[in-house]
PDB file of N, CA and C in Angstrom:
ATOM      1  N   MET A   1      15.163  -6.168  23.936  1.00  0.00           N
ATOM      2  CA  MET A   1      14.717  -5.640  22.651  1.00  0.00           C
ATOM      3  C   MET A   1      14.266  -6.780  21.729  1.00  0.00           C
ATOM      4  N   ARG A   2      15.000  -7.878  21.692  1.00  0.00           N
ATOM      5  CA  ARG A   2      14.630  -8.996  20.825  1.00  0.00           C
ATOM      6  C   ARG A   2      13.288  -9.586  21.246  1.00  0.00           C
ATOM      7  N   LEU A   3      13.037  -9.679  22.555  1.00  0.00           N
ATOM      8  CA  LEU A   3      11.760 -10.185  23.052  1.00  0.00           C
ATOM      9  C   LEU A   3      10.622  -9.288  22.595  1.00  0.00           C
ATOM     10  N   GLU A   4      10.834  -7.981  22.633  1.00  0.00           N
ATOM     11  CA  GLU A   4       9.816  -7.028  22.182  1.00  0.00           C
ATOM     12  C   GLU A   4       9.489  -7.263  20.702  1.00  0.00           C
ATOM     13  N   LYS A   5      10.515  -7.496  19.887  1.00  0.00           N
ATOM     14  CA  LYS A   5      10.294  -7.760  18.464  1.00  0.00           C
ATOM     15  C   LYS A   5       9.556  -9.080  18.266  1.00  0.00           C
ATOM     16  N   LEU A   6       9.895 -10.088  19.062  1.00  0.00           N
ATOM     17  CA  LEU A   6       9.209 -11.371  18.958  1.00  0.00           C
ATOM     18  C   LEU A   6       7.733 -11.236  19.310  1.00  0.00           C
ATOM     19  N   MET A   7       7.415 -10.413  20.289  1.00  0.00           N
ATOM     20  CA  MET A   7       6.023 -10.210  20.666  1.00  0.00           C
ATOM     21  C   MET A   7       5.250  -9.534  19.533  1.00  0.00           C
ATOM     22  N   LYS A   8       5.888  -8.608  18.815  1.00  0.00           N
ATOM     23  CA  LYS A   8       5.236  -7.954  17.678  1.00  0.00           C
ATOM     24  C   LYS A   8       4.965  -8.956  16.562  1.00  0.00           C
ATOM     25  N   VAL A   9       5.855  -9.941  16.421  1.00  0.00           N
ATOM     26  CA  VAL A   9       5.690 -10.951  15.381  1.00  0.00           C
ATOM     27  C   VAL A   9       4.369 -11.687  15.551  1.00  0.00           C
ATOM     28  N   PHE A  10       4.001 -12.000  16.780  1.00  0.00           N
ATOM     29  CA  PHE A  10       2.760 -12.735  17.007  1.00  0.00           C
ATOM     30  C   PHE A  10       1.543 -11.957  16.542  1.00  0.00           C
ATOM     31  N   GLY A  11       1.619 -10.647  16.549  1.00  0.00           N
ATOM     32  CA  GLY A  11       0.525  -9.824  16.046  1.00  0.00           C
ATOM     33  C   GLY A  11       0.531  -9.677  14.538  1.00  0.00           C
ATOM     34  N   SER A  12       1.608 -10.133  13.894  1.00  0.00           N
ATOM     35  CA  SER A  12       1.763  -9.978  12.449  1.00  0.00           C
ATOM     36  C   SER A  12       1.837 -11.313  11.715  1.00  0.00           C
ATOM     37  N   LEU A  13       1.403 -12.394  12.340  1.00  0.00           N
ATOM     38  CA  LEU A  13       1.550 -13.714  11.731  1.00  0.00           C
ATOM     39  C   LEU A  13       0.869 -13.819  10.374  1.00  0.00           C
ATOM     40  N   ASP A  14      -0.297 -13.201  10.216  1.00  0.00           N
ATOM     41  CA  ASP A  14      -0.987 -13.259   8.928  1.00  0.00           C
ATOM     42  C   ASP A  14      -0.170 -12.565   7.843  1.00  0.00           C
ATOM     43  N   GLN A  15       0.412 -11.412   8.167  1.00  0.00           N
ATOM     44  CA  GLN A  15       1.243 -10.700   7.197  1.00  0.00           C
ATOM     45  C   GLN A  15       2.500 -11.500   6.869  1.00  0.00           C
ATOM     46  N   ILE A  16       3.097 -12.108   7.873  1.00  0.00           N
ATOM     47  CA  ILE A  16       4.301 -12.913   7.647  1.00  0.00           C
ATOM     48  C   ILE A  16       3.970 -14.087   6.738  1.00  0.00           C
ATOM     49  N   ALA A  17       2.883 -14.780   7.033  1.00  0.00           N
ATOM     50  CA  ALA A  17       2.476 -15.914   6.198  1.00  0.00           C
ATOM     51  C   ALA A  17       2.207 -15.466   4.760  1.00  0.00           C
ATOM     52  N   GLU A  18       1.541 -14.327   4.615  1.00  0.00           N
ATOM     53  CA  GLU A  18       1.256 -13.805   3.274  1.00  0.00           C
ATOM     54  C   GLU A  18       2.547 -13.465   2.538  1.00  0.00           C
ATOM     55  N   GLY A  19       3.480 -12.840   3.242  1.00  0.00           N
ATOM     56  CA  GLY A  19       4.762 -12.500   2.635  1.00  0.00           C
ATOM     57  C   GLY A  19       5.543 -13.725   2.214  1.00  0.00           C
ATOM     58  N   ILE A  20       5.548 -14.761   3.059  1.00  0.00           N
ATOM     59  CA  ILE A  20       6.252 -15.999   2.711  1.00  0.00           C
ATOM     60  C   ILE A  20       5.608 -16.633   1.485  1.00  0.00           C
ATOM     61  N   LYS A  21       4.278 -16.723   1.509  1.00  0.00           N
ATOM     62  CA  LYS A  21       3.551 -17.314   0.382  1.00  0.00           C
ATOM     63  C   LYS A  21       3.826 -16.549  -0.912  1.00  0.00           C
ATOM     64  N   ASN A  22       3.788 -15.218  -0.836  1.00  0.00           N
ATOM     65  CA  ASN A  22       4.018 -14.401  -2.027  1.00  0.00           C
ATOM     66  C   ASN A  22       5.467 -14.461  -2.483  1.00  0.00           C
ATOM     67  N   ASN A  23       6.375 -14.770  -1.584  1.00  0.00           N
ATOM     68  CA  ASN A  23       7.781 -14.925  -1.959  1.00  0.00           C
ATOM     69  C   ASN A  23       8.009 -16.258  -2.673  1.00  0.00           C
ATOM     70  N   ILE A  24       7.248 -17.272  -2.298  1.00  0.00           N
ATOM     71  CA  ILE A  24       7.382 -18.592  -2.928  1.00  0.00           C
ATOM     72  C   ILE A  24       6.622 -18.646  -4.250  1.00  0.00           C
ATOM     73  N   PHE A  25       5.369 -18.218  -4.217  1.00  0.00           N
ATOM     74  CA  PHE A  25       4.514 -18.243  -5.406  1.00  0.00           C
ATOM     75  C   PHE A  25       4.455 -16.832  -5.972  1.00  0.00           C
ATOM     76  N   LYS A  26       5.393 -16.507  -6.817  1.00  0.00           N
ATOM     77  CA  LYS A  26       5.545 -15.148  -7.345  1.00  0.00           C
ATOM     78  C   LYS A  26       4.369 -14.770  -8.244  1.00  0.00           C
ATOM     79  N   LYS A  27       3.906 -13.539  -8.048  1.00  0.00           N
ATOM     80  CA  LYS A  27       2.864 -12.949  -8.899  1.00  0.00           C
ATOM     81  C   LYS A  27       3.398 -11.610  -9.381  1.00  0.00           C
ATOM     82  N   GLU A  28       3.161 -11.320 -10.634  1.00  0.00           N
ATOM     83  CA  GLU A  28       3.734 -10.132 -11.265  1.00  0.00           C
ATOM     84  C   GLU A  28       3.391  -8.840 -10.525  1.00  0.00           C
ATOM     85  N   HIS A  29       2.134  -8.664 -10.139  1.00  0.00           N
ATOM     86  CA  HIS A  29       1.736  -7.415  -9.478  1.00  0.00           C
ATOM     87  C   HIS A  29       2.390  -7.265  -8.104  1.00  0.00           C
ATOM     88  N   ILE A  30       2.568  -8.358  -7.393  1.00  0.00           N
ATOM     89  CA  ILE A  30       3.210  -8.294  -6.080  1.00  0.00           C
ATOM     90  C   ILE A  30       4.705  -8.054  -6.231  1.00  0.00           C
ATOM     91  N   GLU A  31       5.316  -8.656  -7.235  1.00  0.00           N
ATOM     92  CA  GLU A  31       6.739  -8.422  -7.485  1.00  0.00           C
ATOM     93  C   GLU A  31       7.001  -6.964  -7.864  1.00  0.00           C
ATOM     94  N   ALA A  32       6.056  -6.343  -8.558  1.00  0.00           N
ATOM     95  CA  ALA A  32       6.198  -4.923  -8.908  1.00  0.00           C
ATOM     96  C   ALA A  32       6.188  -4.063  -7.647  1.00  0.00           C
ATOM     97  N   VAL A  33       5.310  -4.392  -6.708  1.00  0.00           N
ATOM     98  CA  VAL A  33       5.259  -3.668  -5.434  1.00  0.00           C
ATOM     99  C   VAL A  33       6.554  -3.899  -4.656  1.00  0.00           C
ATOM    100  N   ALA A  34       7.001  -5.143  -4.597  1.00  0.00           N
ATOM    101  CA  ALA A  34       8.228  -5.471  -3.856  1.00  0.00           C
ATOM    102  C   ALA A  34       9.429  -4.736  -4.443  1.00  0.00           C
ATOM    103  N   LYS A  35       9.480  -4.610  -5.748  1.00  0.00           N
ATOM    104  CA  LYS A  35      10.595  -3.909  -6.395  1.00  0.00           C
ATOM    105  C   LYS A  35      10.629  -2.433  -5.992  1.00  0.00           C
ATOM    106  N   ILE A  36       9.473  -1.809  -5.971  1.00  0.00           N
ATOM    107  CA  ILE A  36       9.390  -0.398  -5.564  1.00  0.00           C
ATOM    108  C   ILE A  36       9.777  -0.256  -4.091  1.00  0.00           C
ATOM    109  N   ARG A  37       9.266  -1.140  -3.258  1.00  0.00           N
ATOM    110  CA  ARG A  37       9.597  -1.079  -1.832  1.00  0.00           C
ATOM    111  C   ARG A  37      11.095  -1.316  -1.607  1.00  0.00           C
ATOM    112  N   TRP A  38      11.676  -2.248  -2.361  1.00  0.00           N
ATOM    113  CA  TRP A  38      13.109  -2.546  -2.215  1.00  0.00           C
ATOM    114  C   TRP A  38      13.961  -1.315  -2.521  1.00  0.00           C
ATOM    115  N   GLN A  39      13.546  -0.503  -3.475  1.00  0.00           N
ATOM    116  CA  GLN A  39      14.290   0.713  -3.797  1.00  0.00           C
ATOM    117  C   GLN A  39      14.410   1.619  -2.575  1.00  0.00           C
ATOM    118  N   ASN A  40      13.390   1.654  -1.741  1.00  0.00           N
ATOM    119  CA  ASN A  40      13.416   2.437  -0.508  1.00  0.00           C
ATOM    120  C   ASN A  40      14.229   1.742   0.577  1.00  0.00           C
ATOM    121  N   CYS A  41      14.093   0.443   0.687  1.00  0.00           N
ATOM    122  CA  CYS A  41      14.765  -0.302   1.756  1.00  0.00           C
ATOM    123  C   CYS A  41      16.277  -0.355   1.568  1.00  0.00           C
ATOM    124  N   LYS A  42      16.726  -0.552   0.351  1.00  0.00           N
ATOM    125  CA  LYS A  42      18.153  -0.775   0.149  1.00  0.00           C
ATOM    126  C   LYS A  42      19.008   0.460   0.451  1.00  0.00           C
ATOM    127  N   ILE A  43      18.395   1.628   0.520  1.00  0.00           N
ATOM    128  CA  ILE A  43      19.152   2.841   0.857  1.00  0.00           C
ATOM    129  C   ILE A  43      18.887   3.317   2.287  1.00  0.00           C
ATOM    130  N   CYS A  44      18.097   2.538   3.032  1.00  0.00           N
ATOM    131  CA  CYS A  44      17.729   2.917   4.401  1.00  0.00           C
ATOM    132  C   CYS A  44      18.846   2.559   5.381  1.00  0.00           C
ATOM    133  N   LYS A  45      19.062   3.407   6.357  1.00  0.00           N
ATOM    134  CA  LYS A  45      20.099   3.151   7.360  1.00  0.00           C
ATOM    135  C   LYS A  45      19.730   2.003   8.293  1.00  0.00           C
ATOM    136  N   HIS A  46      18.480   1.564   8.269  1.00  0.00           N
ATOM    137  CA  HIS A  46      18.033   0.482   9.151  1.00  0.00           C
ATOM    138  C   HIS A  46      18.099  -0.903   8.503  1.00  0.00           C
ATOM    139  N   ILE A  47      18.603  -1.009   7.294  1.00  0.00           N
ATOM    140  CA  ILE A  47      18.692  -2.324   6.663  1.00  0.00           C
ATOM    141  C   ILE A  47      19.835  -3.115   7.300  1.00  0.00           C
ATOM    142  N   ASP A  48      19.583  -4.376   7.553  1.00  0.00           N
ATOM    143  CA  ASP A  48      20.570  -5.270   8.167  1.00  0.00           C
ATOM    144  C   ASP A  48      20.908  -6.365   7.164  1.00  0.00           C
ATOM    145  N   TYR A  49      22.033  -6.197   6.485  1.00  0.00           N
ATOM    146  CA  TYR A  49      22.477  -7.188   5.514  1.00  0.00           C
ATOM    147  C   TYR A  49      23.136  -8.389   6.182  1.00  0.00           C
ATOM    148  N   VAL A  50      23.627  -8.217   7.399  1.00  0.00           N
ATOM    149  CA  VAL A  50      24.333  -9.280   8.115  1.00  0.00           C
ATOM    150  C   VAL A  50      23.365 -10.244   8.782  1.00  0.00           C
ATOM    151  N   GLY A  51      22.284  -9.721   9.324  1.00  0.00           N
ATOM    152  CA  GLY A  51      21.266 -10.560   9.945  1.00  0.00           C
ATOM    153  C   GLY A  51      21.272 -10.555  11.459  1.00  0.00           C
ATOM    154  N   THR A  52      22.033  -9.677  12.076  1.00  0.00           N
ATOM    155  CA  THR A  52      22.094  -9.644  13.541  1.00  0.00           C
ATOM    156  C   THR A  52      20.813  -9.109  14.174  1.00  0.00           C
ATOM    157  N   LYS A  53      20.027  -8.363  13.444  1.00  0.00           N
ATOM    158  CA  LYS A  53      18.787  -7.777  13.981  1.00  0.00           C
ATOM    159  C   LYS A  53      17.535  -8.507  13.488  1.00  0.00           C
ATOM    160  N   CYS A  54      17.707  -9.573  12.711  1.00  0.00           N
ATOM    161  CA  CYS A  54      16.563 -10.309  12.171  1.00  0.00           C
ATOM    162  C   CYS A  54      15.880 -11.124  13.266  1.00  0.00           C
ATOM    163  N   THR A  55      14.569 -11.011  13.370  1.00  0.00           N
ATOM    164  CA  THR A  55      13.806 -11.795  14.335  1.00  0.00           C
ATOM    165  C   THR A  55      13.890 -13.273  13.993  1.00  0.00           C
ATOM    166  N   ALA A  56      13.802 -13.600  12.707  1.00  0.00           N
ATOM    167  CA  ALA A  56      13.939 -14.986  12.250  1.00  0.00           C
ATOM    168  C   ALA A  56      15.354 -15.163  11.693  1.00  0.00           C
ATOM    169  N   PRO A  57      16.202 -15.888  12.402  1.00  0.00           N
ATOM    170  CA  PRO A  57      17.586 -16.078  11.935  1.00  0.00           C
ATOM    171  C   PRO A  57      17.635 -16.639  10.513  1.00  0.00           C
ATOM    172  N   GLY A  58      18.595 -16.159   9.750  1.00  0.00           N
ATOM    173  CA  GLY A  58      18.784 -16.649   8.387  1.00  0.00           C
ATOM    174  C   GLY A  58      17.891 -16.012   7.349  1.00  0.00           C
ATOM    175  N   THR A  59      17.207 -14.924   7.696  1.00  0.00           N
ATOM    176  CA  THR A  59      16.281 -14.305   6.743  1.00  0.00           C
ATOM    177  C   THR A  59      16.761 -12.946   6.266  1.00  0.00           C
ATOM    178  N   ARG A  60      18.043 -12.714   6.307  1.00  0.00           N
ATOM    179  CA  ARG A  60      18.581 -11.425   5.874  1.00  0.00           C
ATOM    180  C   ARG A  60      18.433 -11.253   4.374  1.00  0.00           C
ATOM    181  N   PRO A  61      18.386 -10.044   3.903  1.00  0.00           N
ATOM    182  CA  PRO A  61      18.396  -8.808   4.665  1.00  0.00           C
ATOM    183  C   PRO A  61      17.066  -8.606   5.381  1.00  0.00           C
ATOM    184  N   CYS A  62      17.165  -7.909   6.501  1.00  0.00           N
ATOM    185  CA  CYS A  62      15.962  -7.618   7.264  1.00  0.00           C
ATOM    186  C   CYS A  62      15.998  -6.160   7.706  1.00  0.00           C
ATOM    187  N   CYS A  63      14.919  -5.736   8.300  1.00  0.00           N
ATOM    188  CA  CYS A  63      14.808  -4.379   8.827  1.00  0.00           C
ATOM    189  C   CYS A  63      15.289  -4.399  10.274  1.00  0.00           C
ATOM    190  N   ALA A  64      16.330  -3.646  10.570  1.00  0.00           N
ATOM    191  CA  ALA A  64      16.858  -3.591  11.937  1.00  0.00           C
ATOM    192  C   ALA A  64      15.864  -2.928  12.880  1.00  0.00           C
ATOM    193  N   GLU A  65      14.955  -2.141  12.349  1.00  0.00           N
ATOM    194  CA  GLU A  65      13.967  -1.439  13.172  1.00  0.00           C
ATOM    195  C   GLU A  65      12.902  -2.394  13.701  1.00  0.00           C
ATOM    196  N   CYS A  66      12.389  -3.284  12.848  1.00  0.00           N
ATOM    197  CA  CYS A  66      11.320  -4.189  13.274  1.00  0.00           C
ATOM    198  C   CYS A  66      11.743  -5.653  13.295  1.00  0.00           C
ATOM    199  N   GLY A  67      12.872  -5.989  12.661  1.00  0.00           N
ATOM    200  CA  GLY A  67      13.363  -7.359  12.646  1.00  0.00           C
ATOM    201  C   GLY A  67      12.779  -8.235  11.560  1.00  0.00           C
ATOM    202  N   CYS A  68      11.920  -7.678  10.717  1.00  0.00           N
ATOM    203  CA  CYS A  68      11.250  -8.461   9.669  1.00  0.00           C
ATOM    204  C   CYS A  68      12.173  -8.757   8.493  1.00  0.00           C
ATOM    205  N   SER A  69      11.992  -9.947   7.927  1.00  0.00           N
ATOM    206  CA  SER A  69      12.661 -10.298   6.681  1.00  0.00           C
ATOM    207  C   SER A  69      12.095  -9.407   5.582  1.00  0.00           C
ATOM    208  N   LEU A  70      12.969  -8.734   4.863  1.00  0.00           N
ATOM    209  CA  LEU A  70      12.479  -7.846   3.797  1.00  0.00           C
ATOM    210  C   LEU A  70      11.905  -8.631   2.629  1.00  0.00           C
ATOM    211  N   ALA A  71      12.411  -9.811   2.359  1.00  0.00           N
ATOM    212  CA  ALA A  71      11.862 -10.630   1.272  1.00  0.00           C
ATOM    213  C   ALA A  71      10.396 -10.943   1.528  1.00  0.00           C
ATOM    214  N   TRP A  72      10.031 -11.091   2.775  1.00  0.00           N
ATOM    215  CA  TRP A  72       8.640 -11.394   3.127  1.00  0.00           C
ATOM    216  C   TRP A  72       7.826 -10.124   3.281  1.00  0.00           C
ATOM    217  N   LYS A  73       8.340  -9.176   4.046  1.00  0.00           N
ATOM    218  CA  LYS A  73       7.565  -7.971   4.371  1.00  0.00           C
ATOM    219  C   LYS A  73       7.228  -7.156   3.132  1.00  0.00           C
ATOM    220  N   MET A  74       8.155  -7.047   2.196  1.00  0.00           N
ATOM    221  CA  MET A  74       7.907  -6.259   0.992  1.00  0.00           C
ATOM    222  C   MET A  74       6.797  -6.854   0.141  1.00  0.00           C
ATOM    223  N   ARG A  75       6.514  -8.150   0.324  1.00  0.00           N
ATOM    224  CA  ARG A  75       5.516  -8.831  -0.496  1.00  0.00           C
ATOM    225  C   ARG A  75       4.167  -8.977   0.200  1.00  0.00           C
ATOM    226  N   ALA A  76       4.036  -8.476   1.397  1.00  0.00           N
ATOM    227  CA  ALA A  76       2.745  -8.470   2.091  1.00  0.00           C
ATOM    228  C   ALA A  76       2.107  -7.111   1.830  1.00  0.00           C
ATOM    229  N   LEU A  77       1.073  -7.088   1.028  1.00  0.00           N
ATOM    230  CA  LEU A  77       0.463  -5.826   0.611  1.00  0.00           C
ATOM    231  C   LEU A  77      -0.133  -5.045   1.777  1.00  0.00           C
ATOM    232  N   SER A  78      -0.439  -5.725   2.874  1.00  0.00           N
ATOM    233  CA  SER A  78      -1.005  -5.044   4.040  1.00  0.00           C
ATOM    234  C   SER A  78       0.071  -4.594   5.032  1.00  0.00           C
ATOM    235  N   ALA A  79       1.337  -4.881   4.737  1.00  0.00           N
ATOM    236  CA  ALA A  79       2.433  -4.475   5.626  1.00  0.00           C
ATOM    237  C   ALA A  79       2.899  -3.065   5.270  1.00  0.00           C
ATOM    238  N   GLU A  80       3.488  -2.401   6.262  1.00  0.00           N
ATOM    239  CA  GLU A  80       4.063  -1.086   6.016  1.00  0.00           C
ATOM    240  C   GLU A  80       5.413  -0.980   6.712  1.00  0.00           C
ATOM    241  N   CYS A  81       6.215  -0.064   6.250  1.00  0.00           N
ATOM    242  CA  CYS A  81       7.529   0.190   6.822  1.00  0.00           C
ATOM    243  C   CYS A  81       7.351   0.796   8.218  1.00  0.00           C
ATOM    244  N   PRO A  82       8.111   0.312   9.208  1.00  0.00           N
ATOM    245  CA  PRO A  82       7.941   0.842  10.564  1.00  0.00           C
ATOM    246  C   PRO A  82       8.375   2.299  10.720  1.00  0.00           C
ATOM    247  N   ILE A  83       9.163   2.824   9.786  1.00  0.00           N
ATOM    248  CA  ILE A  83       9.562   4.237   9.888  1.00  0.00           C
ATOM    249  C   ILE A  83       8.925   5.087   8.788  1.00  0.00           C
ATOM    250  N   GLY A  84       7.957   4.501   8.064  1.00  0.00           N
ATOM    251  CA  GLY A  84       7.161   5.269   7.111  1.00  0.00           C
ATOM    252  C   GLY A  84       7.734   5.448   5.723  1.00  0.00           C
ATOM    253  N   ARG A  85       8.720   4.652   5.332  1.00  0.00           N
ATOM    254  CA  ARG A  85       9.290   4.779   3.983  1.00  0.00           C
ATOM    255  C   ARG A  85       8.305   4.304   2.911  1.00  0.00           C
ATOM    256  N   TRP A  86       7.412   3.373   3.255  1.00  0.00           N
ATOM    257  CA  TRP A  86       6.338   2.941   2.371  1.00  0.00           C
ATOM    258  C   TRP A  86       5.163   2.478   3.224  1.00  0.00           C
ATOM    259  N   LYS A  87       3.974   2.637   2.666  1.00  0.00           N
ATOM    260  CA  LYS A  87       2.724   2.358   3.385  1.00  0.00           C
ATOM    261  C   LYS A  87       2.098   1.049   2.909  1.00  0.00           C
ATOM    262  N   ALA A  88       1.195   0.545   3.725  1.00  0.00           N
ATOM    263  CA  ALA A  88       0.379  -0.603   3.322  1.00  0.00           C
ATOM    264  C   ALA A  88      -0.491  -0.164   2.151  1.00  0.00           C
ATOM    265  N   LEU A  89      -0.690  -1.041   1.210  1.00  0.00           N
ATOM    266  CA  LEU A  89      -1.523  -0.709   0.051  1.00  0.00           C
ATOM    267  C   LEU A  89      -2.996  -0.992   0.296  1.00  0.00           C
ATOM    268  N   MET A  90      -3.263  -1.853   1.280  1.00  0.00           N
ATOM    269  CA  MET A  90      -4.643  -2.197   1.599  1.00  0.00           C
ATOM    270  C   MET A  90      -4.688  -2.832   2.972  1.00  0.00           C
ATOM    271  N   PRO A  91      -5.847  -2.809   3.615  1.00  0.00           N
ATOM    272  CA  PRO A  91      -5.973  -3.499   4.903  1.00  0.00           C
ATOM    273  C   PRO A  91      -5.790  -5.006   4.707  1.00  0.00           C
ATOM    274  N   GLU A  92      -5.408  -5.679   5.755  1.00  0.00           N
ATOM    275  CA  GLU A  92      -5.148  -7.113   5.690  1.00  0.00           C
ATOM    276  C   GLU A  92      -6.352  -7.906   5.184  1.00  0.00           C
ATOM    277  N   GLU A  93      -7.554  -7.530   5.623  1.00  0.00           N
ATOM    278  CA  GLU A  93      -8.758  -8.250   5.198  1.00  0.00           C
ATOM    279  C   GLU A  93      -8.964  -8.129   3.688  1.00  0.00           C
ATOM    280  N   THR A  94      -8.725  -6.944   3.143  1.00  0.00           N
ATOM    281  CA  THR A  94      -8.870  -6.722   1.708  1.00  0.00           C
ATOM    282  C   THR A  94      -7.838  -7.521   0.939  1.00  0.00           C
ATOM    283  N   GLU A  95      -6.615  -7.570   1.455  1.00  0.00           N
ATOM    284  CA  GLU A  95      -5.565  -8.346   0.804  1.00  0.00           C
ATOM    285  C   GLU A  95      -5.942  -9.826   0.750  1.00  0.00           C
ATOM    286  N   GLU A  96      -6.475 -10.345   1.837  1.00  0.00           N
ATOM    287  CA  GLU A  96      -6.888 -11.751   1.865  1.00  0.00           C
ATOM    288  C   GLU A  96      -7.970 -12.022   0.824  1.00  0.00           C
ATOM    289  N   LYS A  97      -8.956 -11.128   0.725  1.00  0.00           N
ATOM    290  CA  LYS A  97     -10.033 -11.294  -0.254  1.00  0.00           C
ATOM    291  C   LYS A  97      -9.497 -11.226  -1.680  1.00  0.00           C
ATOM    292  N   LEU A  98      -8.592 -10.287  -1.940  1.00  0.00           N
ATOM    293  CA  LEU A  98      -8.007 -10.148  -3.263  1.00  0.00           C
ATOM    294  C   LEU A  98      -7.241 -11.404  -3.650  1.00  0.00           C
ATOM    295  N   LEU A  99      -6.415 -11.900  -2.758  1.00  0.00           N
ATOM    296  CA  LEU A  99      -5.620 -13.085  -3.066  1.00  0.00           C
ATOM    297  C   LEU A  99      -6.491 -14.317  -3.256  1.00  0.00           C
ATOM    298  N   GLU A 100      -7.559 -14.419  -2.471  1.00  0.00           N
ATOM    299  CA  GLU A 100      -8.495 -15.520  -2.628  1.00  0.00           C
ATOM    300  C   GLU A 100      -9.158 -15.458  -4.007  1.00  0.00           C
ATOM    301  N   LYS A 101      -9.555 -14.261  -4.403  1.00  0.00           N
ATOM    302  CA  LYS A 101     -10.183 -14.067  -5.719  1.00  0.00           C
ATOM    303  C   LYS A 101      -9.206 -14.422  -6.836  1.00  0.00           C
ATOM    304  N   LEU A 102      -7.952 -13.967  -6.723  1.00  0.00           N
ATOM    305  CA  LEU A 102      -6.951 -14.273  -7.743  1.00  0.00           C
ATOM    306  C   LEU A 102      -6.686 -15.774  -7.838  1.00  0.00           C
ATOM    307  N   GLU A 103      -6.637 -16.442  -6.690  1.00  0.00           N
ATOM    308  CA  GLU A 103      -6.432 -17.892  -6.686  1.00  0.00           C
ATOM    309  C   GLU A 103      -7.603 -18.614  -7.319  1.00  0.00           C
ATOM    310  N   ASN A 104      -8.825 -18.189  -6.997  1.00  0.00           N
ATOM    311  CA  ASN A 104     -10.008 -18.812  -7.585  1.00  0.00           C
ATOM    312  C   ASN A 104     -10.048 -18.603  -9.094  1.00  0.00           C
ATOM    313  N   ASP A 105      -9.718 -17.400  -9.548  1.00  0.00           N
ATOM    314  CA  ASP A 105      -9.710 -17.111 -10.981  1.00  0.00           C
ATOM    315  C   ASP A 105      -8.680 -17.961 -11.707  1.00  0.00           C
ATOM    316  N   SER A 106      -7.485 -18.123 -11.111  1.00  0.00           N
ATOM    317  CA  SER A 106      -6.448 -18.919 -11.779  1.00  0.00           C
ATOM    318  C   SER A 106      -6.817 -20.397 -11.780  1.00  0.00           C
ATOM    319  N   THR A 107      -7.504 -20.879 -10.735  1.00  0.00           N
ATOM    320  CA  THR A 107      -7.953 -22.267 -10.696  1.00  0.00           C
ATOM    321  C   THR A 107      -9.010 -22.507 -11.758  1.00  0.00           C
ATOM    322  N   GLU A 108      -9.921 -21.550 -11.931  1.00  0.00           N
ATOM    323  CA  GLU A 108     -10.945 -21.669 -12.968  1.00  0.00           C
ATOM    324  C   GLU A 108     -10.322 -21.723 -14.356  1.00  0.00           C
ATOM    325  N   GLU A 109      -9.283 -20.925 -14.579  1.00  0.00           N
ATOM    326  CA  GLU A 109      -8.587 -20.913 -15.876  1.00  0.00           C
ATOM    327  C   GLU A 109      -7.969 -22.270 -16.169  1.00  0.00           C
ATOM    328  N   VAL A 110      -7.354 -22.878 -15.170  1.00  0.00           N
ATOM    329  CA  VAL A 110      -6.713 -24.180 -15.332  1.00  0.00           C
ATOM    330  C   VAL A 110      -7.742 -25.251 -15.636  1.00  0.00           C
ATOM    331  N   ASN A 111      -8.921 -25.148 -15.016  1.00  0.00           N
ATOM    332  CA  ASN A 111      -9.961 -26.162 -15.192  1.00  0.00           C
ATOM    333  C   ASN A 111     -10.720 -26.033 -16.501  1.00  0.00           C
ATOM    334  N   LYS A 112     -10.523 -24.951 -17.237  1.00  0.00           N
ATOM    335  CA  LYS A 112     -11.257 -24.766 -18.502  1.00  0.00           C
ATOM    336  C   LYS A 112     -10.720 -25.668 -19.576  1.00  0.00           C
TER     337      LYS A 112
END
């Protein structure tokens, strides 16, 4: 089962990277989404607070169903809950374009 989860991770590397980045560099709109998603996750029977089902050790709480770190997954706008508690807000390509635009806009503001 753990190998199966690891194989799924390779197909989700862009989402994982986006979630990690959004967890480090907090943005208000993404934190609002993460807060709403957390309300669903924290009452789910598949939440793993201990970390035994986490694909990446030390990233608890995670989803026992998919093994993803919730701190990362909740902040990837193109990610969705594996059992349908919350949906992706946009396709991965759109999320990348949006984040690129937001980064460019903030860089322009700093340079003014």
